[in-house]
Amino acid sequence: MTIRNWVKFAFWALLIGGLVNAVASLIIRWDFYQPYLTNGEITEFLAAVIWNIILGFTMSVMAQAGFFAYLTLHQVGVNIFRSLTLWNWVQVVLILVVLVDIIVFRFAPGAETAVDWIIYGTLLVVLVGAAILTAIKKVKMTQKPHVFISTMFFMIVVTSLEWIIALVGRQDNIDVYVALLLFPLVAVNAFQILMLPKYNSQSEADRKKLEERRKVRKETTNVAKV
């Protein structure tokens, strides 16, 4: 990918993370915003929204780092197992391990009531549901059925590792952030896995145009010399 297209790619990922987190915070943390609006404190309300946008930016940067780490891991996995089919089975096992870890070691210790389980169950459905939808879309875009598993792996395993920052904490109001931080991570990761081929193709097209311009300039220079 060219630097120009990488900047575009990173910018849109950053913007998506910030906007999604801001919208999610207005829903999940409405009780936090409401007093500002009730009291007419518009400046404080906007400051709170901006703070959540910045938080979304932070999650986006983390998601971008995780994405490029995954691309390296995926290539290493294929090289080690020397078979895409075998590597896909390994990814399936890892997906199951991560889901069990989330339920048993992350959710269960903090779930004290049925309401807690409903909340955690909903978040798990969001994570897995988004992964399935993204994987289906990826297969349709690429016409390559084998990318379904690798997309699921990225959307579940890598997103969960990024999400772990919220899941390992057990302080006041942690459940709010467990819910809040999932949405920008899912949105940014879905954008990255789906849109990377587009930016790679654009980069290849840009390189060809650059080579053509260089060739034309070289021919023009040679003609001028003659």
Protein backbone atom coordinates (compact mmCIF):
# COMPACT_ATOMS: atom_id res chain seq x y z
CA MET A 1 0.00 0.00 0.00
CA THR A 2 1.31 3.46 -0.87
CA ILE A 3 1.78 6.02 1.89
CA ARG A 4 -0.98 8.17 0.41
CA ASN A 5 -3.52 5.36 0.49
CA TRP A 6 -2.35 4.20 3.91
CA VAL A 7 -3.02 7.71 5.25
CA LYS A 8 -6.54 7.61 3.74
CA PHE A 9 -7.11 4.13 5.16
CA ALA A 10 -5.93 5.18 8.64
CA PHE A 11 -7.93 8.41 8.53
CA TRP A 12 -11.22 6.69 7.74
CA ALA A 13 -10.57 4.03 10.38
CA LEU A 14 -9.86 6.79 12.90
CA LEU A 15 -13.01 8.69 11.93
CA ILE A 16 -15.18 5.58 12.15
CA GLY A 17 -13.84 4.76 15.61
CA GLY A 18 -14.51 8.24 16.93
CA LEU A 19 -18.00 8.61 15.48
CA VAL A 20 -19.16 5.11 16.45
CA ASN A 21 -17.92 5.55 20.01
CA ALA A 22 -19.63 8.95 20.27
CA VAL A 23 -22.97 7.56 19.06
CA ALA A 24 -22.66 4.46 21.26
CA SER A 25 -21.88 6.61 24.29
CA LEU A 26 -25.02 8.71 23.72
CA ILE A 27 -27.05 5.51 24.00
CA ILE A 28 -25.12 3.54 26.61
CA ARG A 29 -24.17 6.51 28.79
CA TRP A 30 -27.28 8.66 28.36
CA ASP A 31 -27.58 9.01 32.13
CA PHE A 32 -24.16 10.69 32.04
CA TYR A 33 -25.18 13.20 29.35
CA GLN A 34 -28.73 13.92 30.46
CA PRO A 35 -27.90 16.22 33.44
CA TYR A 36 -25.90 18.50 31.15
CA LEU A 37 -28.82 18.92 28.76
CA THR A 38 -31.35 19.24 31.57
CA ASN A 39 -29.32 22.05 33.16
CA GLY A 40 -28.62 23.73 29.82
CA GLU A 41 -24.88 23.08 30.10
CA ILE A 42 -24.29 22.73 26.37
CA THR A 43 -20.54 23.35 26.61
CA GLU A 44 -20.11 20.52 29.11
CA PHE A 45 -22.29 18.26 26.96
CA LEU A 46 -20.17 18.93 23.87
CA ALA A 47 -16.99 18.43 25.90
CA ALA A 48 -18.27 15.02 27.00
CA VAL A 49 -19.07 14.08 23.40
CA ILE A 50 -15.62 15.20 22.25
CA TRP A 51 -14.02 13.17 25.04
CA ASN A 52 -15.83 10.06 23.81
CA ILE A 53 -14.78 10.81 20.24
CA ILE A 54 -11.15 10.92 21.42
CA LEU A 55 -11.71 7.65 23.28
CA GLY A 56 -12.98 6.21 20.00
CA PHE A 57 -9.85 7.49 18.25
CA THR A 58 -7.77 5.63 20.83
CA MET A 59 -9.69 2.40 20.23
CA SER A 60 -9.25 2.92 16.48
CA VAL A 61 -5.48 3.24 16.80
CA MET A 62 -5.43 0.06 18.89
CA ALA A 63 -7.57 -1.72 16.28
CA GLN A 64 -5.24 -0.61 13.49
CA ALA A 65 -2.21 -1.92 15.37
CA GLY A 66 -4.04 -5.20 15.97
CA PHE A 67 -4.97 -5.46 12.29
CA PHE A 68 -1.44 -5.18 11.01
CA ALA A 69 -0.27 -7.60 13.70
CA TYR A 70 -2.95 -10.03 12.47
CA LEU A 71 -1.78 -9.74 8.86
CA THR A 72 1.70 -10.78 10.00
CA LEU A 73 0.30 -13.59 12.17
CA HIS A 74 -1.84 -14.88 9.32
CA GLN A 75 1.12 -15.13 6.98
CA VAL A 76 3.26 -16.78 9.65
CA GLY A 77 0.46 -19.27 10.38
CA VAL A 78 0.13 -20.24 6.71
CA ASN A 79 3.92 -20.68 6.44
CA ILE A 80 4.18 -22.77 9.61
CA PHE A 81 1.32 -25.15 8.84
CA ARG A 82 2.05 -25.13 5.08
CA SER A 83 -1.64 -25.58 4.41
CA LEU A 84 -4.40 -23.00 4.39
CA THR A 85 -6.92 -25.70 5.33
CA LEU A 86 -4.91 -26.78 8.38
CA TRP A 87 -4.34 -23.17 9.41
CA ASN A 88 -8.10 -22.56 9.16
CA TRP A 89 -8.77 -25.48 11.52
CA VAL A 90 -6.24 -24.04 13.97
CA GLN A 91 -8.06 -20.70 13.76
CA VAL A 92 -11.40 -22.41 14.47
CA VAL A 93 -9.94 -23.98 17.62
CA LEU A 94 -8.54 -20.62 18.73
CA ILE A 95 -11.92 -18.96 18.13
CA LEU A 96 -13.60 -21.50 20.41
CA VAL A 97 -10.90 -21.12 23.07
CA VAL A 98 -11.29 -17.33 23.09
CA LEU A 99 -15.09 -17.50 23.32
CA VAL A 100 -14.87 -19.93 26.27
CA ASP A 101 -12.29 -17.68 27.92
CA ILE A 102 -14.55 -14.65 27.56
CA ILE A 103 -17.56 -16.43 29.05
CA VAL A 104 -15.82 -18.34 31.86
CA PHE A 105 -12.99 -16.06 32.91
CA ARG A 106 -14.18 -12.58 31.87
CA PHE A 107 -17.97 -12.50 32.09
CA ALA A 108 -18.74 -15.10 34.77
CA PRO A 109 -16.73 -13.45 37.61
CA GLY A 110 -18.59 -10.16 37.13
CA ALA A 111 -22.07 -11.54 36.43
CA GLU A 112 -23.91 -11.41 39.75
CA THR A 113 -27.48 -11.16 38.48
CA ALA A 114 -29.58 -12.30 35.54
CA VAL A 115 -29.44 -8.77 34.17
CA ASP A 116 -25.64 -8.96 34.08
CA TRP A 117 -25.82 -12.17 32.06
CA ILE A 118 -28.31 -10.58 29.67
CA ILE A 119 -25.95 -7.65 29.12
CA TYR A 120 -22.91 -9.85 28.63
CA GLY A 121 -24.85 -12.24 26.43
CA THR A 122 -25.98 -9.34 24.24
CA LEU A 123 -22.41 -8.13 23.87
CA LEU A 124 -21.27 -11.61 22.91
CA VAL A 125 -24.05 -11.79 20.30
CA VAL A 126 -22.90 -8.42 18.92
CA LEU A 127 -19.31 -9.66 18.67
CA VAL A 128 -20.12 -13.01 17.05
CA GLY A 129 -22.96 -11.59 14.92
CA ALA A 130 -20.76 -8.82 13.55
CA ALA A 131 -18.03 -11.37 12.83
CA ILE A 132 -20.43 -13.61 10.87
CA LEU A 133 -21.88 -10.72 8.85
CA THR A 134 -18.42 -9.37 8.08
CA ALA A 135 -17.17 -12.81 7.05
CA ILE A 136 -20.16 -13.34 4.73
CA LYS A 137 -19.57 -9.92 3.15
CA LYS A 138 -15.86 -10.71 2.74
CA VAL A 139 -16.63 -13.97 0.94
CA LYS A 140 -19.04 -12.18 -1.41
CA MET A 141 -16.47 -9.48 -2.15
CA THR A 142 -13.57 -11.85 -2.81
CA GLN A 143 -15.45 -14.94 -4.10
CA LYS A 144 -13.08 -16.96 -1.91
CA PRO A 145 -14.94 -19.20 0.60
CA HIS A 146 -11.77 -19.95 2.60
CA VAL A 147 -11.56 -16.33 3.83
CA PHE A 148 -14.67 -16.91 5.95
CA ILE A 149 -12.68 -18.57 8.76
CA SER A 150 -9.80 -16.10 8.71
CA THR A 151 -12.24 -13.18 8.83
CA MET A 152 -14.09 -14.79 11.74
CA PHE A 153 -10.76 -15.31 13.50
CA PHE A 154 -9.80 -11.69 13.08
CA MET A 155 -13.17 -10.31 14.09
CA ILE A 156 -13.49 -12.51 17.19
CA VAL A 157 -9.98 -13.35 18.43
CA VAL A 158 -8.15 -10.14 17.56
CA THR A 159 -11.06 -7.90 18.57
CA SER A 160 -11.30 -9.76 21.89
CA LEU A 161 -7.59 -9.21 22.55
CA GLU A 162 -8.07 -5.50 21.92
CA TRP A 163 -11.21 -5.53 24.05
CA ILE A 164 -9.37 -7.23 26.92
CA ILE A 165 -8.37 -3.82 28.31
CA ALA A 166 -11.96 -3.30 29.37
CA LEU A 167 -12.65 -6.93 30.26
CA VAL A 168 -9.78 -7.33 32.76
CA GLY A 169 -10.79 -4.28 34.76
CA ARG A 170 -13.04 -4.58 37.77
CA GLN A 171 -13.56 -1.06 39.04
CA ASP A 172 -16.61 1.17 39.36
CA ASN A 173 -18.61 1.63 36.17
CA ILE A 174 -16.51 -0.99 34.36
CA ASP A 175 -19.56 -2.65 32.80
CA VAL A 176 -20.34 0.59 31.00
CA TYR A 177 -16.91 0.61 29.36
CA VAL A 178 -17.05 -3.13 28.62
CA ALA A 179 -20.16 -2.38 26.57
CA LEU A 180 -18.98 0.93 25.15
CA LEU A 181 -15.54 -0.04 23.87
CA LEU A 182 -16.76 -3.05 21.93
CA PHE A 183 -18.59 -1.02 19.29
CA PRO A 184 -15.74 1.11 17.92
CA LEU A 185 -13.44 -1.93 17.86
CA VAL A 186 -15.96 -4.01 15.92
CA ALA A 187 -16.74 -1.17 13.50
CA VAL A 188 -13.10 -0.31 12.79
CA ASN A 189 -12.04 -3.94 12.41
CA ALA A 190 -14.92 -4.65 10.02
CA PHE A 191 -13.93 -1.61 7.96
CA GLN A 192 -10.29 -2.69 7.87
CA ILE A 193 -10.82 -6.32 6.85
CA LEU A 194 -13.36 -5.37 4.17
CA MET A 195 -11.71 -2.29 2.71
CA LEU A 196 -8.02 -3.26 2.69
CA PRO A 197 -8.25 -4.88 -0.79
CA LYS A 198 -9.74 -1.67 -2.20
CA TYR A 199 -6.83 0.43 -0.94
CA ASN A 200 -4.31 -2.16 -2.10
CA SER A 201 -5.85 -2.11 -5.58
CA GLN A 202 -5.83 1.67 -5.61
CA SER A 203 -2.17 1.64 -4.58
CA GLU A 204 -1.35 -0.73 -7.44
CA ALA A 205 -3.21 1.50 -9.89
CA ASP A 206 -1.36 4.56 -8.55
CA ARG A 207 1.98 2.80 -9.05
CA LYS A 208 1.12 1.95 -12.65
CA LYS A 209 0.10 5.55 -13.36
CA LEU A 210 3.35 6.76 -11.79
CA GLU A 211 5.37 4.37 -13.93
CA GLU A 212 3.53 5.52 -17.05
CA ARG A 213 4.20 9.18 -16.22
CA ARG A 214 7.88 8.41 -15.67
CA LYS A 215 8.02 6.55 -18.97
CA VAL A 216 6.38 9.46 -20.82
CA ARG A 217 8.77 11.97 -19.21
CA LYS A 218 11.73 9.80 -20.12
CA GLU A 219 10.59 9.49 -23.74
CA THR A 220 9.93 13.25 -23.88
CA THR A 221 13.41 13.96 -22.53
CA ASN A 222 15.05 11.61 -25.05
CA VAL A 223 13.14 13.25 -27.91
CA ALA A 224 14.20 16.70 -26.71
CA LYS A 225 17.84 15.62 -26.60
CA VAL A 226 17.65 14.28 -30.16
